């Protein structure tokens, strides 16, 4: 199960390499590269997801376009300065990557996109309905990781989960299960041109409210 891979942030994906690897950055002499991974949905559409991989994981590995791989890791966030403003950027940080055999590929394609997160609400949830009447609540959760860092992950809850999340307060502790999705949208520029962009978020399928463990009092003290 995906929730046993990591304590607070675990991702398991299977999909096809959809781009050539591009050098991303170096840290303590270790190089990291970015690729796009084409992950199928059960609805026959796909999510195109960004993955960051250490050069040490790619030794003697065929990562040519079209190659199926399984990736286990974490969904991480960082701030990037773009167009005179800070923007939250998401990437799947690979802890392990390997090429499955045919039997394992068939089995993992039944659940090609799984994520588990354990974190705290860090922004007031926003409830809304779509033009087709679907209920949605946007939530942003902070997930702690090593070295006193946190990842800030945008999530979307649907239906009864959306109604439940609407009542949550900043500092509430939740655990959730779902999948990472890519979503295209259009942004109108000051010049009048329309730019196509892609957002990444977690679509929540199941969540659990941790009633006896939250940071509400801390938040109130900071805000008051």
N, C-alpha and C. Protein backbone atom coordinates (compact mmCIF):
# COMPACT_ATOMS: atom_id res chain seq x y z
N UNK A 1 0.85 -1.20 0.00
CA UNK A 1 0.00 0.00 0.00
C UNK A 1 0.88 1.25 0.00
N UNK A 2 0.38 2.28 -0.69
CA UNK A 2 1.17 3.49 -0.84
C UNK A 2 1.41 4.17 0.51
N UNK A 3 0.45 4.08 1.46
CA UNK A 3 0.62 4.79 2.73
C UNK A 3 1.67 4.15 3.62
N UNK A 4 2.26 3.05 3.21
CA UNK A 4 3.33 2.43 3.98
C UNK A 4 4.71 2.77 3.42
N UNK A 5 4.73 3.43 2.26
CA UNK A 5 6.01 3.74 1.63
C UNK A 5 6.72 4.87 2.37
N UNK A 6 6.00 5.93 2.68
CA UNK A 6 6.56 7.07 3.40
C UNK A 6 5.65 7.38 4.58
N UNK A 7 6.17 8.03 5.60
CA UNK A 7 5.37 8.33 6.78
C UNK A 7 4.31 9.39 6.51
N UNK A 8 4.68 10.46 5.81
CA UNK A 8 3.75 11.57 5.63
C UNK A 8 3.50 11.94 4.18
N UNK A 9 4.29 11.44 3.26
CA UNK A 9 4.19 11.87 1.86
C UNK A 9 4.72 10.74 0.98
N UNK A 10 3.82 9.99 0.38
CA UNK A 10 4.24 8.87 -0.46
C UNK A 10 3.52 8.86 -1.79
N UNK A 11 4.28 8.67 -2.86
CA UNK A 11 3.74 8.65 -4.21
C UNK A 11 4.21 7.38 -4.92
N UNK A 12 3.30 6.76 -5.66
CA UNK A 12 3.68 5.64 -6.52
C UNK A 12 2.99 5.82 -7.86
N UNK A 13 3.79 5.89 -8.93
CA UNK A 13 3.28 6.12 -10.27
C UNK A 13 3.81 5.06 -11.22
N UNK A 14 2.99 4.74 -12.22
CA UNK A 14 3.48 3.96 -13.35
C UNK A 14 3.04 4.68 -14.62
N UNK A 15 3.98 4.84 -15.56
CA UNK A 15 3.64 5.55 -16.78
C UNK A 15 4.77 5.49 -17.78
N UNK A 16 4.56 6.20 -18.88
CA UNK A 16 5.53 6.23 -19.97
C UNK A 16 6.35 7.51 -19.93
N UNK A 17 7.64 7.39 -20.13
CA UNK A 17 8.49 8.57 -20.27
C UNK A 17 8.02 9.36 -21.49
N UNK A 18 7.77 10.66 -21.28
CA UNK A 18 7.18 11.47 -22.35
C UNK A 18 8.08 12.60 -22.82
N UNK A 19 9.30 12.68 -22.29
CA UNK A 19 10.21 13.74 -22.71
C UNK A 19 11.65 13.29 -22.49
N UNK A 20 12.56 13.96 -23.16
CA UNK A 20 13.98 13.74 -22.89
C UNK A 20 14.33 14.31 -21.51
N UNK A 21 15.31 13.73 -20.86
CA UNK A 21 15.71 14.26 -19.55
C UNK A 21 16.43 15.59 -19.75
N UNK A 22 16.15 16.52 -18.83
CA UNK A 22 16.73 17.86 -18.86
C UNK A 22 17.40 18.12 -17.51
N UNK A 23 18.63 18.63 -17.54
CA UNK A 23 19.32 18.92 -16.29
C UNK A 23 18.54 19.96 -15.50
N UNK A 24 18.33 19.68 -14.20
CA UNK A 24 17.57 20.57 -13.34
C UNK A 24 18.48 21.36 -12.41
N UNK A 25 19.25 20.66 -11.57
CA UNK A 25 20.12 21.34 -10.62
C UNK A 25 21.11 20.35 -10.03
N UNK A 26 22.05 20.88 -9.27
CA UNK A 26 23.03 20.05 -8.59
C UNK A 26 23.03 20.39 -7.11
N UNK A 27 23.15 19.37 -6.27
CA UNK A 27 23.19 19.58 -4.83
C UNK A 27 24.24 18.65 -4.21
N UNK A 28 25.23 19.24 -3.55
CA UNK A 28 26.32 18.48 -2.91
C UNK A 28 26.98 17.50 -3.90
N UNK A 29 27.17 17.99 -5.11
CA UNK A 29 27.85 17.19 -6.12
C UNK A 29 26.97 16.16 -6.82
N UNK A 30 25.70 16.12 -6.50
CA UNK A 30 24.77 15.15 -7.10
C UNK A 30 23.86 15.88 -8.09
N UNK A 31 23.86 15.43 -9.33
CA UNK A 31 23.04 16.06 -10.35
C UNK A 31 21.63 15.51 -10.38
N UNK A 32 20.67 16.40 -10.68
CA UNK A 32 19.26 16.00 -10.76
C UNK A 32 18.70 16.41 -12.12
N UNK A 33 17.84 15.56 -12.66
CA UNK A 33 17.26 15.78 -13.98
C UNK A 33 15.74 15.74 -13.90
N UNK A 34 15.10 16.39 -14.87
CA UNK A 34 13.64 16.42 -14.95
C UNK A 34 13.16 15.68 -16.19
N UNK A 35 12.08 14.93 -16.03
CA UNK A 35 11.39 14.32 -17.16
C UNK A 35 9.89 14.51 -16.96
N UNK A 36 9.13 14.37 -18.04
CA UNK A 36 7.68 14.32 -17.95
C UNK A 36 7.25 12.86 -18.04
N UNK A 37 6.30 12.49 -17.20
CA UNK A 37 5.79 11.13 -17.18
C UNK A 37 4.32 11.14 -17.57
N UNK A 38 3.96 10.32 -18.54
CA UNK A 38 2.58 10.20 -19.00
C UNK A 38 1.90 9.08 -18.22
N UNK A 39 1.01 9.46 -17.31
CA UNK A 39 0.37 8.50 -16.41
C UNK A 39 -1.09 8.33 -16.82
N UNK A 40 -1.51 7.11 -17.11
CA UNK A 40 -2.90 6.91 -17.57
C UNK A 40 -3.92 7.07 -16.45
N UNK A 41 -5.09 7.56 -16.81
CA UNK A 41 -6.24 7.55 -15.91
C UNK A 41 -7.14 6.38 -16.29
N UNK A 42 -8.00 6.00 -15.37
CA UNK A 42 -8.92 4.91 -15.66
C UNK A 42 -9.95 5.33 -16.71
N UNK A 43 -10.08 6.64 -16.92
CA UNK A 43 -11.04 7.17 -17.90
C UNK A 43 -10.46 7.21 -19.32
N UNK A 44 -9.27 6.64 -19.51
CA UNK A 44 -8.59 6.59 -20.81
C UNK A 44 -7.91 7.92 -21.19
N UNK A 45 -8.02 8.94 -20.35
CA UNK A 45 -7.23 10.15 -20.57
C UNK A 45 -5.91 9.99 -19.81
N UNK A 46 -5.06 11.01 -19.81
CA UNK A 46 -3.76 10.90 -19.16
C UNK A 46 -3.47 12.13 -18.31
N UNK A 47 -2.54 11.99 -17.38
CA UNK A 47 -1.95 13.12 -16.67
C UNK A 47 -0.48 13.18 -17.05
N UNK A 48 -0.02 14.36 -17.40
CA UNK A 48 1.39 14.57 -17.75
C UNK A 48 2.06 15.22 -16.55
N UNK A 49 2.91 14.45 -15.85
CA UNK A 49 3.42 14.88 -14.55
C UNK A 49 4.93 15.08 -14.57
N UNK A 50 5.42 16.13 -13.89
CA UNK A 50 6.86 16.40 -13.84
C UNK A 50 7.53 15.55 -12.76
N UNK A 51 8.68 14.96 -13.10
CA UNK A 51 9.41 14.10 -12.18
C UNK A 51 10.86 14.58 -12.10
N UNK A 52 11.41 14.64 -10.90
CA UNK A 52 12.82 14.97 -10.69
C UNK A 52 13.55 13.72 -10.23
N UNK A 53 14.66 13.39 -10.92
CA UNK A 53 15.37 12.12 -10.67
C UNK A 53 16.86 12.40 -10.50
N UNK A 54 17.46 11.78 -9.50
CA UNK A 54 18.90 11.86 -9.31
C UNK A 54 19.63 11.09 -10.40
N UNK A 55 20.79 11.61 -10.82
CA UNK A 55 21.59 10.90 -11.81
C UNK A 55 22.01 9.52 -11.31
N UNK A 56 22.07 9.36 -9.99
CA UNK A 56 22.51 8.09 -9.40
C UNK A 56 21.45 7.00 -9.55
N UNK A 57 20.19 7.40 -9.74
CA UNK A 57 19.13 6.42 -9.96
C UNK A 57 19.02 5.99 -11.42
N UNK A 58 19.68 6.75 -12.31
CA UNK A 58 19.49 6.50 -13.74
C UNK A 58 20.65 5.75 -14.39
N UNK A 59 21.60 5.31 -13.59
CA UNK A 59 22.78 4.62 -14.13
C UNK A 59 22.34 3.36 -14.89
N UNK A 60 22.78 3.26 -16.15
CA UNK A 60 22.49 2.09 -17.00
C UNK A 60 20.99 1.83 -17.16
N UNK A 61 20.17 2.88 -17.06
CA UNK A 61 18.72 2.70 -17.21
C UNK A 61 18.25 3.34 -18.50
N UNK A 62 17.40 2.62 -19.23
CA UNK A 62 16.83 3.12 -20.47
C UNK A 62 15.63 4.01 -20.14
N UNK A 63 15.83 5.32 -20.31
CA UNK A 63 14.74 6.26 -20.08
C UNK A 63 14.33 6.94 -21.38
N UNK A 64 14.35 6.19 -22.45
CA UNK A 64 13.95 6.74 -23.74
C UNK A 64 12.44 6.96 -23.76
N UNK A 65 12.01 7.87 -24.62
CA UNK A 65 10.59 8.21 -24.71
C UNK A 65 9.78 6.96 -25.06
N UNK A 66 8.70 6.75 -24.30
CA UNK A 66 7.85 5.58 -24.52
C UNK A 66 8.12 4.43 -23.57
N UNK A 67 9.23 4.50 -22.84
CA UNK A 67 9.57 3.44 -21.90
C UNK A 67 8.68 3.51 -20.65
N UNK A 68 8.08 2.40 -20.26
CA UNK A 68 7.30 2.35 -19.03
C UNK A 68 8.23 2.25 -17.83
N UNK A 69 7.94 3.03 -16.80
CA UNK A 69 8.71 2.97 -15.55
C UNK A 69 7.75 3.05 -14.37
N UNK A 70 8.20 2.54 -13.23
CA UNK A 70 7.52 2.72 -11.97
C UNK A 70 8.37 3.64 -11.10
N UNK A 71 7.73 4.64 -10.52
CA UNK A 71 8.44 5.62 -9.70
C UNK A 71 7.79 5.67 -8.32
N UNK A 72 8.63 5.60 -7.29
CA UNK A 72 8.18 5.78 -5.92
C UNK A 72 8.93 6.96 -5.32
N UNK A 73 8.21 7.83 -4.63
CA UNK A 73 8.86 9.01 -4.08
C UNK A 73 7.91 9.88 -3.31
N UNK A 74 8.08 11.20 -3.48
CA UNK A 74 7.27 12.18 -2.76
C UNK A 74 6.86 13.31 -3.70
N UNK A 75 5.72 13.93 -3.42
CA UNK A 75 5.32 15.14 -4.12
C UNK A 75 5.85 16.33 -3.34
N UNK A 76 6.73 17.10 -3.98
CA UNK A 76 7.37 18.22 -3.30
C UNK A 76 7.03 19.55 -3.96
N UNK A 77 7.18 20.61 -3.18
CA UNK A 77 6.93 21.95 -3.70
C UNK A 77 8.13 22.85 -3.42
N UNK A 78 8.29 23.86 -4.26
CA UNK A 78 9.28 24.90 -4.00
C UNK A 78 8.83 26.17 -4.70
N UNK A 79 9.36 27.29 -4.24
CA UNK A 79 9.00 28.58 -4.81
C UNK A 79 9.97 28.96 -5.92
N UNK A 80 9.43 29.40 -7.02
CA UNK A 80 10.25 29.88 -8.13
C UNK A 80 9.80 31.29 -8.49
N UNK A 81 10.75 32.17 -8.73
CA UNK A 81 10.44 33.55 -9.08
C UNK A 81 10.17 33.64 -10.58
N UNK A 82 8.90 33.83 -10.95
CA UNK A 82 8.49 33.86 -12.35
C UNK A 82 7.61 35.08 -12.58
N UNK A 83 7.91 35.84 -13.63
CA UNK A 83 7.10 37.00 -14.01
C UNK A 83 6.89 37.96 -12.83
N UNK A 84 7.98 38.26 -12.13
CA UNK A 84 7.98 39.23 -11.04
C UNK A 84 7.14 38.80 -9.83
N UNK A 85 6.94 37.52 -9.68
CA UNK A 85 6.20 37.04 -8.51
C UNK A 85 6.66 35.62 -8.16
N UNK A 86 6.49 35.25 -6.89
CA UNK A 86 6.81 33.90 -6.47
C UNK A 86 5.68 32.96 -6.83
N UNK A 87 6.04 31.80 -7.39
CA UNK A 87 5.04 30.83 -7.80
C UNK A 87 5.38 29.47 -7.20
N UNK A 88 4.36 28.80 -6.71
CA UNK A 88 4.54 27.47 -6.14
C UNK A 88 4.66 26.45 -7.27
N UNK A 89 5.76 25.73 -7.29
CA UNK A 89 6.03 24.73 -8.33
C UNK A 89 6.05 23.34 -7.70
N UNK A 90 5.37 22.39 -8.32
CA UNK A 90 5.31 21.03 -7.80
C UNK A 90 6.10 20.08 -8.69
N UNK A 91 6.71 19.08 -8.07
CA UNK A 91 7.39 18.03 -8.81
C UNK A 91 7.35 16.74 -8.00
N UNK A 92 7.34 15.61 -8.67
CA UNK A 92 7.46 14.32 -7.99
C UNK A 92 8.95 14.04 -7.85
N UNK A 93 9.41 13.94 -6.62
CA UNK A 93 10.82 13.66 -6.34
C UNK A 93 10.99 12.15 -6.22
N UNK A 94 11.72 11.55 -7.16
CA UNK A 94 11.86 10.09 -7.20
C UNK A 94 12.83 9.60 -6.14
N UNK A 95 12.36 8.68 -5.30
CA UNK A 95 13.24 7.98 -4.36
C UNK A 95 13.74 6.68 -4.98
N UNK A 96 12.94 6.14 -5.91
CA UNK A 96 13.30 4.92 -6.61
C UNK A 96 12.61 4.92 -7.96
N UNK A 97 13.27 4.35 -8.96
CA UNK A 97 12.71 4.23 -10.30
C UNK A 97 13.21 2.93 -10.90
N UNK A 98 12.30 2.19 -11.53
CA UNK A 98 12.73 0.95 -12.17
C UNK A 98 11.77 0.59 -13.30
N UNK A 99 12.25 -0.27 -14.17
CA UNK A 99 11.46 -0.73 -15.32
C UNK A 99 10.78 -2.03 -14.94
N UNK A 100 9.45 -2.09 -14.98
CA UNK A 100 8.74 -3.29 -14.55
C UNK A 100 8.76 -4.37 -15.64
N UNK A 101 8.63 -5.62 -15.20
CA UNK A 101 8.42 -6.68 -16.19
C UNK A 101 6.95 -6.65 -16.62
N UNK A 102 6.61 -7.44 -17.60
CA UNK A 102 5.26 -7.36 -18.19
C UNK A 102 4.17 -7.67 -17.16
N UNK A 103 4.41 -8.66 -16.32
CA UNK A 103 3.41 -9.03 -15.33
C UNK A 103 3.19 -7.92 -14.30
N UNK A 104 4.29 -7.33 -13.83
CA UNK A 104 4.17 -6.24 -12.85
C UNK A 104 3.53 -5.01 -13.47
N UNK A 105 3.83 -4.75 -14.73
CA UNK A 105 3.25 -3.60 -15.42
C UNK A 105 1.73 -3.73 -15.50
N UNK A 106 1.26 -4.91 -15.89
CA UNK A 106 -0.19 -5.13 -15.98
C UNK A 106 -0.85 -4.94 -14.63
N UNK A 107 -0.20 -5.42 -13.57
CA UNK A 107 -0.77 -5.32 -12.23
C UNK A 107 -0.80 -3.87 -11.74
N UNK A 108 0.30 -3.13 -11.92
CA UNK A 108 0.36 -1.76 -11.41
C UNK A 108 -0.50 -0.79 -12.23
N UNK A 109 -0.76 -1.11 -13.49
CA UNK A 109 -1.60 -0.24 -14.30
C UNK A 109 -3.05 -0.22 -13.82
N UNK A 110 -3.40 -1.15 -12.94
CA UNK A 110 -4.74 -1.12 -12.35
C UNK A 110 -4.88 0.06 -11.40
N UNK A 111 -3.78 0.46 -10.76
CA UNK A 111 -3.74 1.64 -9.91
C UNK A 111 -2.47 2.41 -10.25
N UNK A 112 -2.50 3.16 -11.36
CA UNK A 112 -1.26 3.76 -11.86
C UNK A 112 -0.80 5.02 -11.15
N UNK A 113 -1.65 5.57 -10.28
CA UNK A 113 -1.36 6.89 -9.73
C UNK A 113 -1.91 6.96 -8.31
N UNK A 114 -1.03 6.80 -7.32
CA UNK A 114 -1.46 6.80 -5.92
C UNK A 114 -0.60 7.77 -5.11
N UNK A 115 -1.26 8.50 -4.21
CA UNK A 115 -0.53 9.38 -3.31
C UNK A 115 -1.19 9.35 -1.94
N UNK A 116 -0.35 9.43 -0.91
CA UNK A 116 -0.82 9.53 0.47
C UNK A 116 -0.13 10.72 1.10
N UNK A 117 -0.90 11.59 1.77
CA UNK A 117 -0.35 12.77 2.42
C UNK A 117 -0.89 12.87 3.85
N UNK A 118 -0.03 13.30 4.75
CA UNK A 118 -0.38 13.51 6.15
C UNK A 118 0.11 14.91 6.50
N UNK A 119 -0.82 15.85 6.66
CA UNK A 119 -0.39 17.23 6.87
C UNK A 119 -1.45 18.08 7.53
N UNK A 120 -1.27 19.41 7.44
CA UNK A 120 -2.11 20.36 8.15
C UNK A 120 -2.67 21.40 7.18
N UNK A 121 -3.94 21.74 7.37
CA UNK A 121 -4.56 22.79 6.57
C UNK A 121 -3.81 24.11 6.84
N UNK A 122 -3.34 24.76 5.79
CA UNK A 122 -2.57 25.99 6.00
C UNK A 122 -3.17 27.20 5.30
N UNK A 123 -4.37 27.04 4.74
CA UNK A 123 -5.07 28.15 4.10
C UNK A 123 -6.56 27.86 4.20
N UNK A 124 -7.37 28.88 4.36
CA UNK A 124 -8.81 28.67 4.50
C UNK A 124 -9.36 27.92 3.28
N UNK A 125 -10.04 26.79 3.48
CA UNK A 125 -10.60 26.04 2.34
C UNK A 125 -11.62 26.88 1.57
N UNK A 126 -11.66 26.67 0.26
CA UNK A 126 -12.57 27.42 -0.61
C UNK A 126 -13.55 26.44 -1.25
N UNK A 127 -14.82 26.59 -0.91
CA UNK A 127 -15.89 25.73 -1.44
C UNK A 127 -16.53 26.40 -2.65
N UNK A 128 -16.82 25.61 -3.67
CA UNK A 128 -17.47 26.15 -4.87
C UNK A 128 -18.21 25.03 -5.58
N UNK A 129 -19.02 25.39 -6.56
CA UNK A 129 -19.69 24.40 -7.40
C UNK A 129 -19.35 24.70 -8.86
N UNK A 130 -19.26 23.64 -9.67
CA UNK A 130 -18.97 23.80 -11.09
C UNK A 130 -20.26 24.16 -11.83
N UNK A 131 -20.14 24.61 -13.09
CA UNK A 131 -21.35 24.89 -13.88
C UNK A 131 -22.27 23.68 -14.01
N UNK A 132 -21.71 22.47 -13.81
CA UNK A 132 -22.51 21.25 -13.90
C UNK A 132 -23.03 20.80 -12.53
N UNK A 133 -22.79 21.63 -11.50
CA UNK A 133 -23.34 21.33 -10.19
C UNK A 133 -22.47 20.46 -9.30
N UNK A 134 -21.26 20.14 -9.71
CA UNK A 134 -20.37 19.34 -8.86
C UNK A 134 -19.80 20.21 -7.74
N UNK A 135 -19.76 19.66 -6.54
CA UNK A 135 -19.22 20.38 -5.39
C UNK A 135 -17.71 20.14 -5.28
N UNK A 136 -16.95 21.22 -5.07
CA UNK A 136 -15.50 21.14 -4.99
C UNK A 136 -15.03 22.04 -3.84
N UNK A 137 -14.06 21.55 -3.08
CA UNK A 137 -13.38 22.42 -2.12
C UNK A 137 -11.87 22.36 -2.37
N UNK A 138 -11.29 23.54 -2.55
CA UNK A 138 -9.85 23.66 -2.72
C UNK A 138 -9.20 23.77 -1.35
N UNK A 139 -8.21 22.92 -1.08
CA UNK A 139 -7.49 22.99 0.18
C UNK A 139 -5.99 22.99 -0.08
N UNK A 140 -5.27 23.66 0.78
CA UNK A 140 -3.80 23.67 0.70
C UNK A 140 -3.29 23.09 2.01
N UNK A 141 -2.49 22.02 1.91
CA UNK A 141 -1.97 21.41 3.13
C UNK A 141 -0.45 21.49 3.16
N UNK A 142 0.06 21.66 4.37
CA UNK A 142 1.51 21.68 4.61
C UNK A 142 1.91 20.30 5.13
N UNK A 143 2.87 19.68 4.45
CA UNK A 143 3.34 18.35 4.83
C UNK A 143 4.80 18.48 5.25
N UNK A 144 5.10 18.09 6.47
CA UNK A 144 6.46 18.22 6.99
C UNK A 144 7.39 17.17 6.39
N UNK A 145 8.64 17.58 6.17
CA UNK A 145 9.67 16.61 5.79
C UNK A 145 10.96 16.93 6.53
N UNK A 146 12.01 16.22 6.20
CA UNK A 146 13.26 16.34 6.96
C UNK A 146 13.85 17.75 6.90
N UNK A 147 14.73 18.03 7.85
CA UNK A 147 15.49 19.28 7.91
C UNK A 147 14.60 20.51 8.08
N UNK A 148 13.50 20.33 8.82
CA UNK A 148 12.58 21.43 9.14
C UNK A 148 12.00 22.10 7.90
N UNK A 149 11.78 21.33 6.86
CA UNK A 149 11.16 21.85 5.64
C UNK A 149 9.73 21.34 5.54
N UNK A 150 8.92 22.03 4.75
CA UNK A 150 7.55 21.60 4.50
C UNK A 150 7.24 21.73 3.02
N UNK A 151 6.37 20.86 2.55
CA UNK A 151 5.85 20.95 1.19
C UNK A 151 4.41 21.43 1.26
N UNK A 152 4.05 22.35 0.38
CA UNK A 152 2.70 22.92 0.36
C UNK A 152 1.98 22.38 -0.88
N UNK A 153 0.97 21.55 -0.62
CA UNK A 153 0.35 20.77 -1.68
C UNK A 153 -1.10 21.20 -1.89
N UNK A 154 -1.45 21.72 -3.08
CA UNK A 154 -2.84 22.04 -3.38
C UNK A 154 -3.63 20.76 -3.66
N UNK A 155 -4.82 20.67 -3.06
CA UNK A 155 -5.65 19.48 -3.20
C UNK A 155 -7.08 19.89 -3.52
N UNK A 156 -7.82 18.97 -4.14
CA UNK A 156 -9.22 19.20 -4.46
C UNK A 156 -10.04 18.04 -3.90
N UNK A 157 -11.05 18.37 -3.09
CA UNK A 157 -11.98 17.37 -2.58
C UNK A 157 -13.32 17.53 -3.30
N UNK A 158 -14.03 16.43 -3.47
CA UNK A 158 -15.26 16.42 -4.26
C UNK A 158 -16.44 15.94 -3.41
N UNK A 159 -17.65 16.37 -3.81
CA UNK A 159 -18.87 15.82 -3.22
C UNK A 159 -18.93 15.97 -1.71
N UNK A 160 -19.22 14.85 -1.02
CA UNK A 160 -19.36 14.90 0.43
C UNK A 160 -18.05 15.28 1.11
N UNK A 161 -16.91 14.88 0.51
CA UNK A 161 -15.62 15.30 1.05
C UNK A 161 -15.44 16.81 0.92
N UNK A 162 -15.97 17.38 -0.17
CA UNK A 162 -15.90 18.84 -0.35
C UNK A 162 -16.69 19.56 0.74
N UNK A 163 -17.88 19.05 1.04
CA UNK A 163 -18.70 19.68 2.09
C UNK A 163 -18.03 19.54 3.45
N UNK A 164 -17.38 18.41 3.68
CA UNK A 164 -16.68 18.18 4.95
C UNK A 164 -15.49 19.12 5.09
N UNK A 165 -14.70 19.26 4.03
CA UNK A 165 -13.49 20.09 4.08
C UNK A 165 -13.83 21.58 4.20
N UNK A 166 -15.01 21.98 3.71
CA UNK A 166 -15.38 23.39 3.77
C UNK A 166 -15.39 23.90 5.21
N UNK A 167 -15.68 23.02 6.16
CA UNK A 167 -15.81 23.43 7.56
C UNK A 167 -14.47 23.40 8.31
N UNK A 168 -13.42 22.94 7.67
CA UNK A 168 -12.14 22.81 8.35
C UNK A 168 -11.49 24.17 8.60
N UNK A 169 -10.65 24.20 9.63
CA UNK A 169 -9.95 25.43 10.01
C UNK A 169 -8.45 25.29 9.77
N UNK A 170 -7.79 26.42 9.62
CA UNK A 170 -6.34 26.41 9.48
C UNK A 170 -5.73 25.75 10.71
N UNK A 171 -4.83 24.81 10.48
CA UNK A 171 -4.21 24.07 11.57
C UNK A 171 -4.77 22.67 11.76
N UNK A 172 -5.92 22.38 11.14
CA UNK A 172 -6.49 21.04 11.26
C UNK A 172 -5.57 20.00 10.62
N UNK A 173 -5.45 18.86 11.28
CA UNK A 173 -4.59 17.76 10.84
C UNK A 173 -5.44 16.77 10.04
N UNK A 174 -5.01 16.47 8.81
CA UNK A 174 -5.74 15.50 7.99
C UNK A 174 -4.77 14.53 7.32
N UNK A 175 -5.28 13.38 7.00
CA UNK A 175 -4.59 12.41 6.16
C UNK A 175 -5.47 12.19 4.94
N UNK A 176 -4.86 12.08 3.78
CA UNK A 176 -5.66 11.89 2.58
C UNK A 176 -4.98 10.96 1.58
N UNK A 177 -5.83 10.35 0.76
CA UNK A 177 -5.39 9.45 -0.29
C UNK A 177 -6.02 9.91 -1.59
N UNK A 178 -5.30 9.77 -2.70
CA UNK A 178 -5.86 10.19 -3.98
C UNK A 178 -4.87 9.98 -5.10
N UNK A 179 -4.92 10.88 -6.09
CA UNK A 179 -4.01 10.82 -7.22
C UNK A 179 -3.56 12.23 -7.59
N UNK A 180 -2.42 12.32 -8.24
CA UNK A 180 -1.92 13.61 -8.72
C UNK A 180 -2.46 13.84 -10.13
N UNK A 181 -3.01 14.99 -10.36
CA UNK A 181 -3.56 15.25 -11.69
C UNK A 181 -2.98 16.54 -12.28
N UNK A 182 -2.94 16.56 -13.60
CA UNK A 182 -2.57 17.77 -14.33
C UNK A 182 -3.84 18.37 -14.91
N UNK A 183 -3.89 19.68 -14.92
CA UNK A 183 -5.09 20.37 -15.39
C UNK A 183 -4.68 21.57 -16.23
N UNK A 184 -5.18 21.63 -17.44
CA UNK A 184 -4.88 22.76 -18.32
C UNK A 184 -5.85 23.90 -18.04
N UNK A 185 -5.31 25.13 -18.11
CA UNK A 185 -6.17 26.31 -18.01
C UNK A 185 -5.56 27.42 -18.85
N UNK A 186 -6.34 28.46 -19.07
CA UNK A 186 -5.88 29.57 -19.89
C UNK A 186 -5.79 30.83 -19.04
N UNK A 187 -4.70 31.57 -19.22
CA UNK A 187 -4.49 32.83 -18.50
C UNK A 187 -4.41 33.98 -19.50
N UNK A 188 -5.24 34.98 -19.28
CA UNK A 188 -5.22 36.13 -20.16
C UNK A 188 -4.14 37.11 -19.74
N UNK A 189 -3.24 37.46 -20.64
CA UNK A 189 -2.13 38.35 -20.35
C UNK A 189 -2.55 39.80 -20.51
N UNK A 190 -1.72 40.71 -20.00
CA UNK A 190 -2.03 42.15 -20.08
C UNK A 190 -2.08 42.62 -21.53
N UNK A 191 -1.41 41.89 -22.43
CA UNK A 191 -1.40 42.25 -23.84
C UNK A 191 -2.69 41.81 -24.55
N UNK A 192 -3.54 41.06 -23.84
CA UNK A 192 -4.76 40.55 -24.44
C UNK A 192 -4.61 39.13 -24.97
N UNK A 193 -3.36 38.66 -25.05
CA UNK A 193 -3.13 37.30 -25.51
C UNK A 193 -3.52 36.30 -24.42
N UNK A 194 -3.85 35.10 -24.85
CA UNK A 194 -4.21 34.03 -23.92
C UNK A 194 -3.10 32.99 -23.91
N UNK A 195 -2.59 32.69 -22.70
CA UNK A 195 -1.50 31.74 -22.55
C UNK A 195 -2.03 30.44 -21.94
N UNK A 196 -1.63 29.32 -22.53
CA UNK A 196 -2.04 28.00 -22.02
C UNK A 196 -1.08 27.58 -20.92
N UNK A 197 -1.62 27.18 -19.79
CA UNK A 197 -0.81 26.76 -18.65
C UNK A 197 -1.29 25.43 -18.10
N UNK A 198 -0.45 24.79 -17.30
CA UNK A 198 -0.80 23.52 -16.69
C UNK A 198 -0.61 23.63 -15.18
N UNK A 199 -1.62 23.23 -14.43
CA UNK A 199 -1.55 23.21 -12.97
C UNK A 199 -1.53 21.76 -12.50
N UNK A 200 -0.92 21.53 -11.35
CA UNK A 200 -0.86 20.20 -10.77
C UNK A 200 -1.46 20.25 -9.37
N UNK A 201 -2.22 19.22 -9.03
CA UNK A 201 -2.90 19.18 -7.74
C UNK A 201 -3.24 17.73 -7.40
N UNK A 202 -3.64 17.52 -6.17
CA UNK A 202 -4.03 16.18 -5.73
C UNK A 202 -5.56 16.10 -5.70
N UNK A 203 -6.10 15.14 -6.43
CA UNK A 203 -7.53 14.88 -6.40
C UNK A 203 -7.78 13.86 -5.30
N UNK A 204 -8.55 14.26 -4.29
CA UNK A 204 -8.73 13.45 -3.08
C UNK A 204 -9.84 12.42 -3.28
N UNK A 205 -9.52 11.16 -2.99
CA UNK A 205 -10.54 10.11 -3.05
C UNK A 205 -11.01 9.69 -1.66
N UNK A 206 -10.13 9.85 -0.65
CA UNK A 206 -10.47 9.48 0.72
C UNK A 206 -9.69 10.37 1.67
N UNK A 207 -10.31 10.78 2.77
CA UNK A 207 -9.57 11.58 3.74
C UNK A 207 -10.01 11.24 5.16
N UNK A 208 -9.12 11.55 6.07
CA UNK A 208 -9.36 11.27 7.49
C UNK A 208 -8.98 12.50 8.29
N UNK A 209 -9.88 12.94 9.16
CA UNK A 209 -9.61 14.08 10.04
C UNK A 209 -9.04 13.56 11.34
N UNK A 210 -7.87 14.04 11.72
CA UNK A 210 -7.22 13.60 12.95
C UNK A 210 -7.68 14.55 14.07
N UNK A 211 -8.71 14.15 14.77
CA UNK A 211 -9.44 15.06 15.66
C UNK A 211 -8.61 15.52 16.85
N UNK A 212 -7.81 14.63 17.42
CA UNK A 212 -7.11 14.96 18.66
C UNK A 212 -5.68 15.45 18.44
N UNK A 213 -5.36 15.87 17.22
CA UNK A 213 -4.02 16.37 16.94
C UNK A 213 -4.11 17.48 15.91
N UNK A 214 -4.11 18.73 16.34
CA UNK A 214 -4.13 19.83 15.37
C UNK A 214 -3.33 21.00 15.93
N UNK A 215 -3.12 21.98 15.07
CA UNK A 215 -2.31 23.16 15.43
C UNK A 215 -3.16 24.41 15.54
N UNK A 216 -4.47 24.26 15.78
CA UNK A 216 -5.35 25.42 15.79
C UNK A 216 -4.92 26.48 16.81
N UNK A 217 -4.60 26.06 18.03
CA UNK A 217 -4.24 27.02 19.07
C UNK A 217 -3.00 27.81 18.69
N UNK A 218 -2.02 27.11 18.09
CA UNK A 218 -0.79 27.77 17.66
C UNK A 218 -1.11 28.83 16.62
N UNK A 219 -1.97 28.47 15.67
CA UNK A 219 -2.34 29.41 14.61
C UNK A 219 -3.04 30.63 15.21
N UNK A 220 -3.98 30.39 16.12
CA UNK A 220 -4.71 31.51 16.71
C UNK A 220 -3.76 32.45 17.47
N UNK A 221 -2.80 31.89 18.17
CA UNK A 221 -1.84 32.72 18.91
C UNK A 221 -1.01 33.55 17.97
N UNK A 222 -0.62 32.96 16.81
CA UNK A 222 0.19 33.71 15.85
C UNK A 222 -0.62 34.82 15.20
N UNK A 223 -1.91 34.56 14.94
CA UNK A 223 -2.73 35.54 14.25
C UNK A 223 -3.28 36.61 15.21
N UNK A 224 -3.42 36.25 16.49
CA UNK A 224 -4.01 37.18 17.44
C UNK A 224 -3.02 38.14 18.04
